[in-house]
Every structure is written in structure tokens, then in C-alpha cells.
PDB file of N, CA and C in Angstrom:
ATOM      1  N   MET A   1     -16.823  57.705 125.129  1.00  0.00           N
ATOM      2  CA  MET A   1     -17.698  56.600 125.474  1.00  0.00           C
ATOM      3  C   MET A   1     -18.955  56.689 124.553  1.00  0.00           C
ATOM      4  N   SER A   2     -19.426  55.597 124.171  1.00  0.00           N
ATOM      5  CA  SER A   2     -20.612  55.563 123.353  1.00  0.00           C
ATOM      6  C   SER A   2     -21.842  55.234 124.222  1.00  0.00           C
ATOM      7  N   ALA A   3     -22.973  55.807 123.794  1.00  0.00           N
ATOM      8  CA  ALA A   3     -24.202  55.517 124.519  1.00  0.00           C
ATOM      9  C   ALA A   3     -24.772  54.187 124.133  1.00  0.00           C
ATOM     10  N   PRO A   4     -25.439  53.454 125.043  1.00  0.00           N
ATOM     11  CA  PRO A   4     -26.064  52.223 124.663  1.00  0.00           C
ATOM     12  C   PRO A   4     -27.172  52.376 123.616  1.00  0.00           C
ATOM     13  N   SER A   5     -27.281  51.473 122.758  1.00  0.00           N
ATOM     14  CA  SER A   5     -28.269  51.564 121.673  1.00  0.00           C
ATOM     15  C   SER A   5     -29.621  51.337 122.143  1.00  0.00           C
ATOM     16  N   ASP A   6     -30.606  52.106 121.706  1.00  0.00           N
ATOM     17  CA  ASP A   6     -31.986  51.905 122.036  1.00  0.00           C
ATOM     18  C   ASP A   6     -32.635  50.757 121.291  1.00  0.00           C
ATOM     19  N   HIS A   7     -32.025  50.381 120.161  1.00  0.00           N
ATOM     20  CA  HIS A   7     -32.554  49.322 119.344  1.00  0.00           C
ATOM     21  C   HIS A   7     -31.892  48.051 119.638  1.00  0.00           C
ATOM     22  N   PRO A   8     -32.582  47.012 120.149  1.00  0.00           N
ATOM     23  CA  PRO A   8     -31.962  45.743 120.337  1.00  0.00           C
ATOM     24  C   PRO A   8     -31.553  45.087 119.039  1.00  0.00           C
ATOM     25  N   THR A   9     -30.430  44.452 119.048  1.00  0.00           N
ATOM     26  CA  THR A   9     -29.987  43.763 117.849  1.00  0.00           C
ATOM     27  C   THR A   9     -30.555  42.384 117.821  1.00  0.00           C
ATOM     28  N   PRO A  10     -31.117  41.974 116.698  1.00  0.00           N
ATOM     29  CA  PRO A  10     -31.738  40.645 116.626  1.00  0.00           C
ATOM     30  C   PRO A  10     -30.656  39.554 116.547  1.00  0.00           C
ATOM     31  N   THR A  11     -30.454  38.834 117.650  1.00  0.00           N
ATOM     32  CA  THR A  11     -29.391  37.853 117.683  1.00  0.00           C
ATOM     33  C   THR A  11     -29.814  36.619 116.898  1.00  0.00           C
ATOM     34  N   SER A  12     -31.114  36.299 116.865  1.00  0.00           N
ATOM     35  CA  SER A  12     -31.520  35.095 116.120  1.00  0.00           C
ATOM     36  C   SER A  12     -31.289  35.248 114.605  1.00  0.00           C
ATOM     37  N   THR A  13     -31.437  36.470 114.100  1.00  0.00           N
ATOM     38  CA  THR A  13     -31.188  36.685 112.690  1.00  0.00           C
ATOM     39  C   THR A  13     -29.724  36.552 112.338  1.00  0.00           C
ATOM     40  N   SER A  14     -28.865  37.070 113.184  1.00  0.00           N
ATOM     41  CA  SER A  14     -27.406  36.922 112.918  1.00  0.00           C
ATOM     42  C   SER A  14     -27.018  35.451 113.052  1.00  0.00           C
ATOM     43  N   ARG A  15     -27.599  34.764 113.937  1.00  0.00           N
ATOM     44  CA  ARG A  15     -27.249  33.313 114.106  1.00  0.00           C
ATOM     45  C   ARG A  15     -27.667  32.525 112.959  1.00  0.00           C
ATOM     46  N   LEU A  16     -28.858  32.864 112.437  1.00  0.00           N
ATOM     47  CA  LEU A  16     -29.415  32.109 111.271  1.00  0.00           C
ATOM     48  C   LEU A  16     -28.581  32.409 109.996  1.00  0.00           C
ATOM     49  N   SER A  17     -28.124  33.636 109.878  1.00  0.00           N
ATOM     50  CA  SER A  17     -27.445  34.027 108.653  1.00  0.00           C
ATOM     51  C   SER A  17     -26.080  33.308 108.508  1.00  0.00           C
ATOM     52  N   PHE A  18     -25.460  32.929 109.651  1.00  0.00           N
ATOM     53  CA  PHE A  18     -24.191  32.223 109.597  1.00  0.00           C
ATOM     54  C   PHE A  18     -24.261  30.796 110.006  1.00  0.00           C
ATOM     55  N   SER A  19     -25.459  30.226 110.137  1.00  0.00           N
ATOM     56  CA  SER A  19     -25.567  28.845 110.544  1.00  0.00           C
ATOM     57  C   SER A  19     -25.057  27.823 109.553  1.00  0.00           C
ATOM     58  N   TRP A  20     -25.007  28.227 108.306  1.00  0.00           N
ATOM     59  CA  TRP A  20     -24.468  27.341 107.298  1.00  0.00           C
ATOM     60  C   TRP A  20     -22.996  27.145 107.433  1.00  0.00           C
ATOM     61  N   LEU A  21     -22.300  28.000 108.191  1.00  0.00           N
ATOM     62  CA  LEU A  21     -20.865  27.839 108.456  1.00  0.00           C
ATOM     63  C   LEU A  21     -20.625  26.628 109.348  1.00  0.00           C
ATOM     64  N   HIS A  22     -21.640  26.191 110.070  1.00  0.00           N
ATOM     65  CA  HIS A  22     -21.468  25.050 110.989  1.00  0.00           C
ATOM     66  C   HIS A  22     -22.030  23.790 110.454  1.00  0.00           C
ATOM     67  N   ALA A  23     -22.425  23.789 109.209  1.00  0.00           N
ATOM     68  CA  ALA A  23     -23.058  22.605 108.582  1.00  0.00           C
ATOM     69  C   ALA A  23     -21.931  21.589 108.249  1.00  0.00           C
ATOM     70  N   ARG A  24     -21.961  20.467 108.891  1.00  0.00           N
ATOM     71  CA  ARG A  24     -20.980  19.468 108.735  1.00  0.00           C
ATOM     72  C   ARG A  24     -21.043  18.896 107.324  1.00  0.00           C
ATOM     73  N   GLU A  25     -22.231  18.724 106.800  1.00  0.00           N
ATOM     74  CA  GLU A  25     -22.420  18.186 105.457  1.00  0.00           C
ATOM     75  C   GLU A  25     -21.782  19.075 104.376  1.00  0.00           C
ATOM     76  N   LEU A  26     -21.897  20.390 104.551  1.00  0.00           N
ATOM     77  CA  LEU A  26     -21.371  21.305 103.604  1.00  0.00           C
ATOM     78  C   LEU A  26     -19.842  21.175 103.518  1.00  0.00           C
ATOM     79  N   TRP A  27     -19.177  21.199 104.668  1.00  0.00           N
ATOM     80  CA  TRP A  27     -17.715  21.112 104.647  1.00  0.00           C
ATOM     81  C   TRP A  27     -17.264  19.764 104.239  1.00  0.00           C
ATOM     82  N   GLY A  28     -17.982  18.727 104.610  1.00  0.00           N
ATOM     83  CA  GLY A  28     -17.649  17.374 104.097  1.00  0.00           C
ATOM     84  C   GLY A  28     -17.718  17.283 102.574  1.00  0.00           C
ATOM     85  N   GLY A  29     -18.811  17.822 101.993  1.00  0.00           N
ATOM     86  CA  GLY A  29     -18.947  17.841 100.558  1.00  0.00           C
ATOM     87  C   GLY A  29     -17.891  18.604  99.859  1.00  0.00           C
ATOM     88  N   LEU A  30     -17.527  19.765 100.430  1.00  0.00           N
ATOM     89  CA  LEU A  30     -16.474  20.593  99.860  1.00  0.00           C
ATOM     90  C   LEU A  30     -15.079  19.854  99.908  1.00  0.00           C
ATOM     91  N   ALA A  31     -14.863  19.123 100.995  1.00  0.00           N
ATOM     92  CA  ALA A  31     -13.651  18.361 101.108  1.00  0.00           C
ATOM     93  C   ALA A  31     -13.531  17.271 100.103  1.00  0.00           C
ATOM     94  N   ILE A  32     -14.618  16.602  99.863  1.00  0.00           N
ATOM     95  CA  ILE A  32     -14.623  15.493  98.891  1.00  0.00           C
ATOM     96  C   ILE A  32     -14.514  16.065  97.451  1.00  0.00           C
ATOM     97  N   ILE A  33     -15.179  17.132  97.196  1.00  0.00           N
ATOM     98  CA  ILE A  33     -15.040  17.777  95.889  1.00  0.00           C
ATOM     99  C   ILE A  33     -13.560  18.199  95.647  1.00  0.00           C
ATOM    100  N   SER A  34     -12.949  18.769  96.673  1.00  0.00           N
ATOM    101  CA  SER A  34     -11.578  19.213  96.537  1.00  0.00           C
ATOM    102  C   SER A  34     -10.603  18.045  96.299  1.00  0.00           C
ATOM    103  N   MET A  35     -10.871  16.962  96.960  1.00  0.00           N
ATOM    104  CA  MET A  35      -9.989  15.751  96.742  1.00  0.00           C
ATOM    105  C   MET A  35     -10.064  15.273  95.303  1.00  0.00           C
ATOM    106  N   TRP A  36     -11.274  15.194  94.766  1.00  0.00           N
ATOM    107  CA  TRP A  36     -11.459  14.701  93.402  1.00  0.00           C
ATOM    108  C   TRP A  36     -11.097  15.730  92.368  1.00  0.00           C
ATOM    109  N   LEU A  37     -11.118  17.040  92.687  1.00  0.00           N
ATOM    110  CA  LEU A  37     -10.553  17.968  91.747  1.00  0.00           C
ATOM    111  C   LEU A  37      -9.004  17.856  91.708  1.00  0.00           C
ATOM    112  N   ALA A  38      -8.409  17.563  92.849  1.00  0.00           N
ATOM    113  CA  ALA A  38      -6.976  17.317  92.872  1.00  0.00           C
ATOM    114  C   ALA A  38      -6.635  16.095  91.999  1.00  0.00           C
ATOM    115  N   VAL A  39      -7.469  15.054  92.043  1.00  0.00           N
ATOM    116  CA  VAL A  39      -7.255  13.912  91.182  1.00  0.00           C
ATOM    117  C   VAL A  39      -7.331  14.280  89.747  1.00  0.00           C
ATOM    118  N   LEU A  40      -8.306  15.165  89.383  1.00  0.00           N
ATOM    119  CA  LEU A  40      -8.487  15.581  88.012  1.00  0.00           C
ATOM    120  C   LEU A  40      -7.249  16.377  87.520  1.00  0.00           C
ATOM    121  N   PHE A  41      -6.784  17.305  88.330  1.00  0.00           N
ATOM    122  CA  PHE A  41      -5.652  18.120  87.983  1.00  0.00           C
ATOM    123  C   PHE A  41      -4.383  17.336  87.841  1.00  0.00           C
ATOM    124  N   VAL A  42      -4.172  16.413  88.771  1.00  0.00           N
ATOM    125  CA  VAL A  42      -2.974  15.599  88.722  1.00  0.00           C
ATOM    126  C   VAL A  42      -3.090  14.641  87.488  1.00  0.00           C
ATOM    127  N   GLY A  43      -4.290  14.138  87.160  1.00  0.00           N
ATOM    128  CA  GLY A  43      -4.456  13.339  86.012  1.00  0.00           C
ATOM    129  C   GLY A  43      -4.158  14.020  84.705  1.00  0.00           C
ATOM    130  N   VAL A  44      -4.478  15.306  84.676  1.00  0.00           N
ATOM    131  CA  VAL A  44      -4.269  16.089  83.437  1.00  0.00           C
ATOM    132  C   VAL A  44      -2.803  16.515  83.312  1.00  0.00           C
ATOM    133  N   SER A  45      -2.230  16.973  84.435  1.00  0.00           N
ATOM    134  CA  SER A  45      -0.839  17.515  84.316  1.00  0.00           C
ATOM    135  C   SER A  45       0.222  16.687  85.029  1.00  0.00           C
ATOM    136  N   GLY A  46      -0.177  15.623  85.684  1.00  0.00           N
ATOM    137  CA  GLY A  46       0.819  14.846  86.418  1.00  0.00           C
ATOM    138  C   GLY A  46       1.700  13.968  85.540  1.00  0.00           C
ATOM    139  N   GLY A  47       2.757  13.563  86.100  1.00  0.00           N
ATOM    140  CA  GLY A  47       3.690  12.693  85.369  1.00  0.00           C
ATOM    141  C   GLY A  47       3.516  11.217  85.695  1.00  0.00           C
ATOM    142  N   ASN A  48       4.616  10.493  85.558  1.00  0.00           N
ATOM    143  CA  ASN A  48       4.628   9.078  85.862  1.00  0.00           C
ATOM    144  C   ASN A  48       5.603   8.770  86.925  1.00  0.00           C
ATOM    145  N   ILE A  49       5.316   7.688  87.632  1.00  0.00           N
ATOM    146  CA  ILE A  49       6.292   7.140  88.524  1.00  0.00           C
ATOM    147  C   ILE A  49       7.061   6.081  87.770  1.00  0.00           C
ATOM    148  N   VAL A  50       8.362   6.241  87.654  1.00  0.00           N
ATOM    149  CA  VAL A  50       9.139   5.313  86.831  1.00  0.00           C
ATOM    150  C   VAL A  50      10.036   4.486  87.767  1.00  0.00           C
ATOM    151  N   LYS A  51       9.999   3.175  87.581  1.00  0.00           N
ATOM    152  CA  LYS A  51      10.811   2.262  88.370  1.00  0.00           C
ATOM    153  C   LYS A  51      11.720   1.530  87.398  1.00  0.00           C
ATOM    154  N   SER A  52      13.042   1.653  87.698  1.00  0.00           N
ATOM    155  CA  SER A  52      14.019   0.971  86.874  1.00  0.00           C
ATOM    156  C   SER A  52      14.837   0.000  87.743  1.00  0.00           C
ATOM    157  N   THR A  53      15.082  -1.132  87.163  1.00  0.00           N
ATOM    158  CA  THR A  53      15.923  -2.115  87.879  1.00  0.00           C
ATOM    159  C   THR A  53      17.334  -2.119  87.256  1.00  0.00           C
ATOM    160  N   PRO A  54      18.324  -2.584  88.006  1.00  0.00           N
ATOM    161  CA  PRO A  54      19.671  -2.640  87.460  1.00  0.00           C
ATOM    162  C   PRO A  54      19.794  -3.530  86.222  1.00  0.00           C
ATOM    163  N   GLY A  55      18.842  -4.414  86.006  1.00  0.00           N
ATOM    164  CA  GLY A  55      18.901  -5.339  84.833  1.00  0.00           C
ATOM    165  C   GLY A  55      18.407  -4.625  83.566  1.00  0.00           C
ATOM    166  N   GLY A  56      17.929  -3.424  83.664  1.00  0.00           N
ATOM    167  CA  GLY A  56      17.501  -2.676  82.434  1.00  0.00           C
ATOM    168  C   GLY A  56      16.000  -2.687  82.292  1.00  0.00           C
ATOM    169  N   GLU A  57      15.286  -3.380  83.188  1.00  0.00           N
ATOM    170  CA  GLU A  57      13.838  -3.367  83.073  1.00  0.00           C
ATOM    171  C   GLU A  57      13.238  -2.136  83.697  1.00  0.00           C
ATOM    172  N   SER A  58      12.226  -1.541  83.150  1.00  0.00           N
ATOM    173  CA  SER A  58      11.605  -0.367  83.773  1.00  0.00           C
ATOM    174  C   SER A  58      10.091  -0.494  83.601  1.00  0.00           C
ATOM    175  N   SER A  59       9.411   0.139  84.529  1.00  0.00           N
ATOM    176  CA  SER A  59       7.963   0.177  84.464  1.00  0.00           C
ATOM    177  C   SER A  59       7.538   1.565  84.938  1.00  0.00           C
ATOM    178  N   SER A  60       6.433   1.996  84.474  1.00  0.00           N
ATOM    179  CA  SER A  60       5.921   3.329  84.899  1.00  0.00           C
ATOM    180  C   SER A  60       4.449   3.281  85.175  1.00  0.00           C
ATOM    181  N   TRP A  61       4.030   4.000  86.122  1.00  0.00           N
ATOM    182  CA  TRP A  61       2.651   4.193  86.570  1.00  0.00           C
ATOM    183  C   TRP A  61       2.294   5.663  86.588  1.00  0.00           C
ATOM    184  N   PRO A  62       1.127   6.011  86.205  1.00  0.00           N
ATOM    185  CA  PRO A  62       0.688   7.420  86.329  1.00  0.00           C
ATOM    186  C   PRO A  62       0.602   7.790  87.793  1.00  0.00           C
ATOM    187  N   VAL A  63       1.006   9.018  88.125  1.00  0.00           N
ATOM    188  CA  VAL A  63       0.951   9.473  89.495  1.00  0.00           C
ATOM    189  C   VAL A  63      -0.520   9.588  89.967  1.00  0.00           C
ATOM    190  N   VAL A  64      -1.461   9.777  89.014  1.00  0.00           N
ATOM    191  CA  VAL A  64      -2.857   9.930  89.357  1.00  0.00           C
ATOM    192  C   VAL A  64      -3.395   8.660  90.012  1.00  0.00           C
ATOM    193  N   VAL A  65      -2.833   7.544  89.815  1.00  0.00           N
ATOM    194  CA  VAL A  65      -3.287   6.308  90.433  1.00  0.00           C
ATOM    195  C   VAL A  65      -3.132   6.360  91.952  1.00  0.00           C
ATOM    196  N   VAL A  66      -1.984   6.822  92.361  1.00  0.00           N
ATOM    197  CA  VAL A  66      -1.727   6.931  93.759  1.00  0.00           C
ATOM    198  C   VAL A  66      -2.624   8.033  94.386  1.00  0.00           C
ATOM    199  N   VAL A  67      -2.762   9.161  93.703  1.00  0.00           N
ATOM    200  CA  VAL A  67      -3.580  10.260  94.226  1.00  0.00           C
ATOM    201  C   VAL A  67      -5.064   9.802  94.258  1.00  0.00           C
ATOM    202  N   ALA A  68      -5.457   9.034  93.284  1.00  0.00           N
ATOM    203  CA  ALA A  68      -6.880   8.557  93.305  1.00  0.00           C
ATOM    204  C   ALA A  68      -7.144   7.557  94.448  1.00  0.00           C
ATOM    205  N   LEU A  69      -6.152   6.737  94.742  1.00  0.00           N
ATOM    206  CA  LEU A  69      -6.333   5.766  95.892  1.00  0.00           C
ATOM    207  C   LEU A  69      -6.452   6.553  97.175  1.00  0.00           C
ATOM    208  N   VAL A  70      -5.583   7.559  97.349  1.00  0.00           N
ATOM    209  CA  VAL A  70      -5.655   8.389  98.549  1.00  0.00           C
ATOM    210  C   VAL A  70      -6.977   9.130  98.648  1.00  0.00           C
ATOM    211  N   ALA A  71      -7.466   9.625  97.521  1.00  0.00           N
ATOM    212  CA  ALA A  71      -8.718  10.327  97.447  1.00  0.00           C
ATOM    213  C   ALA A  71      -9.889   9.416  97.773  1.00  0.00           C
ATOM    214  N   LEU A  72      -9.823   8.191  97.346  1.00  0.00           N
ATOM    215  CA  LEU A  72     -10.817   7.215  97.595  1.00  0.00           C
ATOM    216  C   LEU A  72     -10.879   6.899  99.086  1.00  0.00           C
ATOM    217  N   VAL A  73      -9.797   6.682  99.746  1.00  0.00           N
ATOM    218  CA  VAL A  73      -9.744   6.465 101.174  1.00  0.00           C
ATOM    219  C   VAL A  73     -10.268   7.676 101.898  1.00  0.00           C
ATOM    220  N   GLY A  74      -9.826   8.871 101.484  1.00  0.00           N
ATOM    221  CA  GLY A  74     -10.248  10.119 102.076  1.00  0.00           C
ATOM    222  C   GLY A  74     -11.767  10.333 101.915  1.00  0.00           C
ATOM    223  N   THR A  75     -12.325   9.961 100.801  1.00  0.00           N
ATOM    224  CA  THR A  75     -13.746  10.119 100.514  1.00  0.00           C
ATOM    225  C   THR A  75     -14.521   9.258 101.500  1.00  0.00           C
ATOM    226  N   VAL A  76     -14.088   8.042 101.743  1.00  0.00           N
ATOM    227  CA  VAL A  76     -14.824   7.165 102.634  1.00  0.00           C
ATOM    228  C   VAL A  76     -14.756   7.703 104.024  1.00  0.00           C
ATOM    229  N   VAL A  77     -13.610   8.135 104.449  1.00  0.00           N
ATOM    230  CA  VAL A  77     -13.452   8.627 105.829  1.00  0.00           C
ATOM    231  C   VAL A  77     -14.284   9.920 106.039  1.00  0.00           C
ATOM    232  N   VAL A  78     -14.147  10.861 105.122  1.00  0.00           N
ATOM    233  CA  VAL A  78     -14.863  12.108 105.257  1.00  0.00           C
ATOM    234  C   VAL A  78     -16.366  11.901 105.117  1.00  0.00           C
ATOM    235  N   GLY A  79     -16.788  11.011 104.208  1.00  0.00           N
ATOM    236  CA  GLY A  79     -18.187  10.686 104.064  1.00  0.00           C
ATOM    237  C   GLY A  79     -18.811  10.123 105.269  1.00  0.00           C
ATOM    238  N   ARG A  80     -18.120   9.184 105.957  1.00  0.00           N
ATOM    239  CA  ARG A  80     -18.666   8.582 107.128  1.00  0.00           C
ATOM    240  C   ARG A  80     -18.795   9.634 108.257  1.00  0.00           C
ATOM    241  N   ARG A  81     -17.834  10.517 108.323  1.00  0.00           N
ATOM    242  CA  ARG A  81     -17.820  11.500 109.394  1.00  0.00           C
ATOM    243  C   ARG A  81     -18.842  12.656 109.133  1.00  0.00           C
ATOM    244  N   ALA A  82     -18.906  13.089 107.868  1.00  0.00           N
ATOM    245  CA  ALA A  82     -19.698  14.264 107.556  1.00  0.00           C
ATOM    246  C   ALA A  82     -21.155  13.926 107.355  1.00  0.00           C
ATOM    247  N   PHE A  83     -21.455  12.736 106.829  1.00  0.00           N
ATOM    248  CA  PHE A  83     -22.863  12.467 106.459  1.00  0.00           C
ATOM    249  C   PHE A  83     -23.502  11.429 107.371  1.00  0.00           C
ATOM    250  N   ALA A  84     -22.865  11.008 108.447  1.00  0.00           N
ATOM    251  CA  ALA A  84     -23.450  10.082 109.397  1.00  0.00           C
ATOM    252  C   ALA A  84     -24.465  10.845 110.193  1.00  0.00           C
ATOM    253  N   ALA A  85     -25.448  10.126 110.687  1.00  0.00           N
ATOM    254  CA  ALA A  85     -26.449  10.793 111.565  1.00  0.00           C
ATOM    255  C   ALA A  85     -25.770  11.191 112.858  1.00  0.00           C
ATOM    256  N   ALA A  86     -25.945  12.412 113.234  1.00  0.00           N
ATOM    257  CA  ALA A  86     -25.352  12.938 114.469  1.00  0.00           C
ATOM    258  C   ALA A  86     -26.123  12.454 115.693  1.00  0.00           C
ATOM    259  N   PRO A  87     -25.457  11.962 116.687  1.00  0.00           N
ATOM    260  CA  PRO A  87     -26.135  11.555 117.889  1.00  0.00           C
ATOM    261  C   PRO A  87     -26.833  12.746 118.626  1.00  0.00           C
ATOM    262  N   ALA A  88     -27.867  12.524 119.286  1.00  0.00           N
ATOM    263  CA  ALA A  88     -28.536  13.632 119.951  1.00  0.00           C
ATOM    264  C   ALA A  88     -27.650  14.144 121.087  1.00  0.00           C
ATOM    265  N   SER A  89     -27.526  15.423 121.126  1.00  0.00           N
ATOM    266  CA  SER A  89     -26.687  16.063 122.142  1.00  0.00           C
ATOM    267  C   SER A  89     -27.396  16.011 123.531  1.00  0.00           C
ATOM    268  N   ASP A  90     -26.588  16.289 124.545  1.00  0.00           N
ATOM    269  CA  ASP A  90     -27.144  16.345 125.922  1.00  0.00           C
ATOM    270  C   ASP A  90     -28.150  17.460 126.055  1.00  0.00           C
ATOM    271  N   ASP A  91     -27.941  18.602 125.370  1.00  0.00           N
ATOM    272  CA  ASP A  91     -28.877  19.696 125.469  1.00  0.00           C
ATOM    273  C   ASP A  91     -30.199  19.330 124.857  1.00  0.00           C
ATOM    274  N   LEU A  92     -30.179  18.585 123.757  1.00  0.00           N
ATOM    275  CA  LEU A  92     -31.386  18.160 123.091  1.00  0.00           C
ATOM    276  C   LEU A  92     -32.131  17.211 123.992  1.00  0.00           C
ATOM    277  N   ARG A  93     -31.420  16.271 124.599  1.00  0.00           N
ATOM    278  CA  ARG A  93     -32.071  15.265 125.492  1.00  0.00           C
ATOM    279  C   ARG A  93     -32.690  15.999 126.694  1.00  0.00           C
ATOM    280  N   LYS A  94     -32.003  16.952 127.235  1.00  0.00           N
ATOM    281  CA  LYS A  94     -32.529  17.727 128.371  1.00  0.00           C
ATOM    282  C   LYS A  94     -33.781  18.517 127.995  1.00  0.00           C
ATOM    283  N   ALA A  95     -33.767  19.097 126.799  1.00  0.00           N
ATOM    284  CA  ALA A  95     -34.922  19.861 126.338  1.00  0.00           C
ATOM    285  C   ALA A  95     -36.121  18.949 126.138  1.00  0.00           C
ATOM    286  N   ILE A  96     -35.852  17.735 125.606  1.00  0.00           N
ATOM    287  CA  ILE A  96     -36.997  16.816 125.420  1.00  0.00           C
ATOM    288  C   ILE A  96     -37.560  16.370 126.738  1.00  0.00           C
ATOM    289  N   GLU A  97     -36.662  16.064 127.715  1.00  0.00           N
ATOM    290  CA  GLU A  97     -37.133  15.718 129.034  1.00  0.00           C
ATOM    291  C   GLU A  97     -37.888  16.822 129.762  1.00  0.00           C
ATOM    292  N   ASP A  98     -37.443  18.074 129.619  1.00  0.00           N
ATOM    293  CA  ASP A  98     -38.146  19.226 130.194  1.00  0.00           C
ATOM    294  C   ASP A  98     -39.495  19.379 129.589  1.00  0.00           C
ATOM    295  N   GLU A  99     -39.612  19.204 128.265  1.00  0.00           N
ATOM    296  CA  GLU A  99     -40.910  19.290 127.587  1.00  0.00           C
ATOM    297  C   GLU A  99     -41.848  18.197 128.049  1.00  0.00           C
ATOM    298  N   ARG A 100     -41.315  16.974 128.233  1.00  0.00           N
ATOM    299  CA  ARG A 100     -42.137  15.852 128.696  1.00  0.00           C
ATOM    300  C   ARG A 100     -42.662  16.162 130.119  1.00  0.00           C
ATOM    301  N   GLN A 101     -41.835  16.642 130.983  1.00  0.00           N
ATOM    302  CA  GLN A 101     -42.271  16.998 132.331  1.00  0.00           C
ATOM    303  C   GLN A 101     -43.289  18.094 132.344  1.00  0.00           C
ATOM    304  N   ALA A 102     -43.105  19.139 131.482  1.00  0.00           N
ATOM    305  CA  ALA A 102     -44.083  20.190 131.360  1.00  0.00           C
ATOM    306  C   ALA A 102     -45.431  19.700 130.888  1.00  0.00           C
ATOM    307  N   ARG A 103     -45.403  18.789 129.925  1.00  0.00           N
ATOM    308  CA  ARG A 103     -46.677  18.226 129.446  1.00  0.00           C
ATOM    309  C   ARG A 103     -47.428  17.426 130.513  1.00  0.00           C
ATOM    310  N   GLU A 104     -46.666  16.682 131.291  1.00  0.00           N
ATOM    311  CA  GLU A 104     -47.278  15.923 132.375  1.00  0.00           C
ATOM    312  C   GLU A 104     -47.914  16.790 133.414  1.00  0.00           C
ATOM    313  N   GLN A 105     -47.164  17.914 133.764  1.00  0.00           N
ATOM    314  CA  GLN A 105     -47.687  18.827 134.734  1.00  0.00           C
ATOM    315  C   GLN A 105     -48.918  19.570 134.196  1.00  0.00           C
ATOM    316  N   LEU A 106     -48.883  19.920 132.913  1.00  0.00           N
ATOM    317  CA  LEU A 106     -50.074  20.564 132.325  1.00  0.00           C
ATOM    318  C   LEU A 106     -51.255  19.611 132.259  1.00  0.00           C
ATOM    319  N   GLU A 107     -51.020  18.340 132.000  1.00  0.00           N
ATOM    320  CA  GLU A 107     -52.090  17.331 132.013  1.00  0.00           C
ATOM    321  C   GLU A 107     -52.695  17.187 133.393  1.00  0.00           C
ATOM    322  N   ALA A 108     -51.846  17.187 134.423  1.00  0.00           N
ATOM    323  CA  ALA A 108     -52.308  17.089 135.797  1.00  0.00           C
ATOM    324  C   ALA A 108     -53.177  18.288 136.162  1.00  0.00           C
ATOM    325  N   GLU A 109     -52.699  19.485 135.790  1.00  0.00           N
ATOM    326  CA  GLU A 109     -53.497  20.682 136.075  1.00  0.00           C
ATOM    327  C   GLU A 109     -54.849  20.681 135.359  1.00  0.00           C
ATOM    328  N   VAL A 110     -54.857  20.227 134.170  1.00  0.00           N
ATOM    329  CA  VAL A 110     -56.087  20.203 133.395  1.00  0.00           C
ATOM    330  C   VAL A 110     -57.090  19.185 133.988  1.00  0.00           C
ATOM    331  N   SER A 111     -56.556  18.056 134.401  1.00  0.00           N
ATOM    332  CA  SER A 111     -57.461  17.078 135.062  1.00  0.00           C
ATOM    333  C   SER A 111     -57.982  17.601 136.401  1.00  0.00           C
ATOM    334  N   ASP A 112     -57.153  18.309 137.104  1.00  0.00           N
ATOM    335  CA  ASP A 112     -57.640  18.942 138.413  1.00  0.00           C
ATOM    336  C   ASP A 112     -58.727  19.971 138.144  1.00  0.00           C
ATOM    337  N   LEU A 113     -58.548  20.801 137.093  1.00  0.00           N
ATOM    338  CA  LEU A 113     -59.516  21.781 136.771  1.00  0.00           C
ATOM    339  C   LEU A 113     -60.857  21.139 136.295  1.00  0.00           C
ATOM    340  N   ARG A 114     -60.758  20.078 135.589  1.00  0.00           N
ATOM    341  CA  ARG A 114     -61.984  19.329 135.093  1.00  0.00           C
ATOM    342  C   ARG A 114     -62.706  18.759 136.310  1.00  0.00           C
ATOM    343  N   ALA A 115     -61.936  18.240 137.241  1.00  0.00           N
ATOM    344  CA  ALA A 115     -62.575  17.650 138.433  1.00  0.00           C
ATOM    345  C   ALA A 115     -63.293  18.713 139.272  1.00  0.00           C
ATOM    346  N   LYS A 116     -62.635  19.929 139.319  1.00  0.00           N
ATOM    347  CA  LYS A 116     -63.300  21.022 140.039  1.00  0.00           C
ATOM    348  C   LYS A 116     -64.580  21.500 139.398  1.00  0.00           C
ATOM    349  N   LEU A 117     -64.493  21.584 138.063  1.00  0.00           N
ATOM    350  CA  LEU A 117     -65.710  22.051 137.314  1.00  0.00           C
ATOM    351  C   LEU A 117     -66.824  21.064 137.337  1.00  0.00           C
ATOM    352  N   SER A 118     -66.531  19.768 137.326  1.00  0.00           N
ATOM    353  CA  SER A 118     -67.586  18.767 137.331  1.00  0.00           C
ATOM    354  C   SER A 118     -68.158  18.467 138.728  1.00  0.00           C
ATOM    355  N   GLY A 119     -67.425  18.810 139.755  1.00  0.00           N
ATOM    356  CA  GLY A 119     -67.778  18.461 141.122  1.00  0.00           C
ATOM    357  C   GLY A 119     -68.357  19.585 141.901  1.00  0.00           C
TER     358      GLY A 119
END
């Protein structure tokens, strides 16, 4: 068995050091960059989509066109999700309400003390 440590571990420091892992903007940006890097690599090394008809006519399109269209749609979806303003959470609303109530209580106490001092 190990003895309990006499030195408390700073939890706020460890939370701050890994807070970037929860940054929605970071992961959204990395996802968009990855999509467009895929478009770049497919554009450089990708082939063509060839369509042939029984009459002997054929047409070809670069594969990168399809990948770019998918990346465009993905960029819009990820961008709206990652970079939209986040709604205030219930914890934040509760904290704001608690602070408002504490300020009102403090204001009432200060006015009572002023009344006692002046009277």
C-alpha cells in the first residue's frame, strides 16, 4: 500500500494544460484542413472517371471534382458546427443567477449597515 501524498496535486493546472483538447474550433479546423488536403492529394495523384456509351462516345471527369464537391459540403457542415457561437450552458446560467442573487444580498446588507451608521 502506498501512503497518501502530503503535497496536493494542482488540478487546475492539469485541467488547463489539456483544455485545448476540448476546443471545438481546433478540431473543426483540423477536419477542414484534412478534407482539403485530401482534395489536393487526389488532384495530384487521382485518375479520371470515364463514361463510355455503347455508341462509342466517351467522356471523362477528374475524380478530384467529386472529392472537391464532397469537401465543400463537409466544410460548410463542419464550419457551422465548429465555429458557431455556443449557447450558454445551464451551469453558466445558474452561476450567473447565483452571482446576481449574491450581489442583491450584498447590496441589501450594505444599505442596512449604512442605515445603522447614519441613525
